[in-house]
């Protein structure tokens, strides 16, 4: 924002929907399950990690 804007100034706000770019290759969403973010689940003492 410009530094010339001061308290009490009137401004106009415009919201524009920007569409996502179409990429020339297939993509997919990489999600993380909430259970994998659980610290107790990650550091379970009886896990078979080793």
Protein backbone atom coordinates (compact mmCIF):
# COMPACT_ATOMS: atom_id res chain seq x y z
CA UNK A 1 0.00 0.00 0.00
CA UNK A 2 1.25 3.49 -0.68
CA UNK A 3 2.63 5.42 2.27
CA UNK A 4 0.49 8.42 1.27
CA UNK A 5 -2.69 6.76 2.62
CA UNK A 6 -3.62 8.12 6.04
CA UNK A 7 -6.32 7.36 8.61
CA UNK A 8 -9.68 8.67 7.40
CA UNK A 9 -8.83 8.56 3.67
CA UNK A 10 -11.41 6.98 1.39
CA UNK A 11 -10.14 4.07 -0.68
CA UNK A 12 -11.68 1.75 -3.23
CA UNK A 13 -11.13 -1.98 -2.90
CA UNK A 14 -11.61 -4.27 -5.89
CA UNK A 15 -11.64 -8.06 -5.60
CA UNK A 16 -10.82 -9.95 -8.77
CA UNK A 17 -11.12 -13.71 -9.15
CA UNK A 18 -7.90 -15.07 -10.59
CA UNK A 19 -8.23 -18.44 -12.26
CA UNK A 20 -5.55 -21.05 -11.78
CA UNK A 21 -3.10 -21.58 -14.62
CA UNK A 22 -3.56 -24.66 -16.73
CA UNK A 23 -0.26 -26.51 -16.66
CA UNK A 24 0.96 -28.61 -19.60
CA UNK A 25 1.29 -31.66 -17.32
CA UNK A 26 -1.05 -33.43 -14.88
CA UNK A 27 -1.01 -32.30 -11.25
CA UNK A 28 -2.69 -33.47 -8.06
CA UNK A 29 -3.22 -32.14 -4.54
CA UNK A 30 -0.72 -33.40 -1.96
CA UNK A 31 -2.65 -33.56 1.28
CA UNK A 32 -1.43 -34.57 4.73
CA UNK A 33 -3.80 -36.48 6.98
CA UNK A 34 -4.34 -34.88 10.39
CA UNK A 35 -3.43 -38.13 12.13
CA UNK A 36 0.08 -37.92 10.67
CA UNK A 37 0.55 -34.52 12.32
CA UNK A 38 -0.23 -35.98 15.75
CA UNK A 39 3.02 -36.02 17.79
CA UNK A 40 1.87 -38.99 19.88
CA UNK A 41 1.19 -41.00 16.72
CA UNK A 42 4.63 -40.19 15.29
CA UNK A 43 6.58 -40.99 18.47
CA UNK A 44 4.61 -44.00 19.74
CA UNK A 45 6.88 -46.09 22.00
CA UNK A 46 5.51 -49.37 20.63
CA UNK A 47 5.79 -48.52 16.93
CA UNK A 48 7.56 -50.92 14.53
CA UNK A 49 9.80 -48.25 12.94
CA UNK A 50 13.11 -49.99 13.69
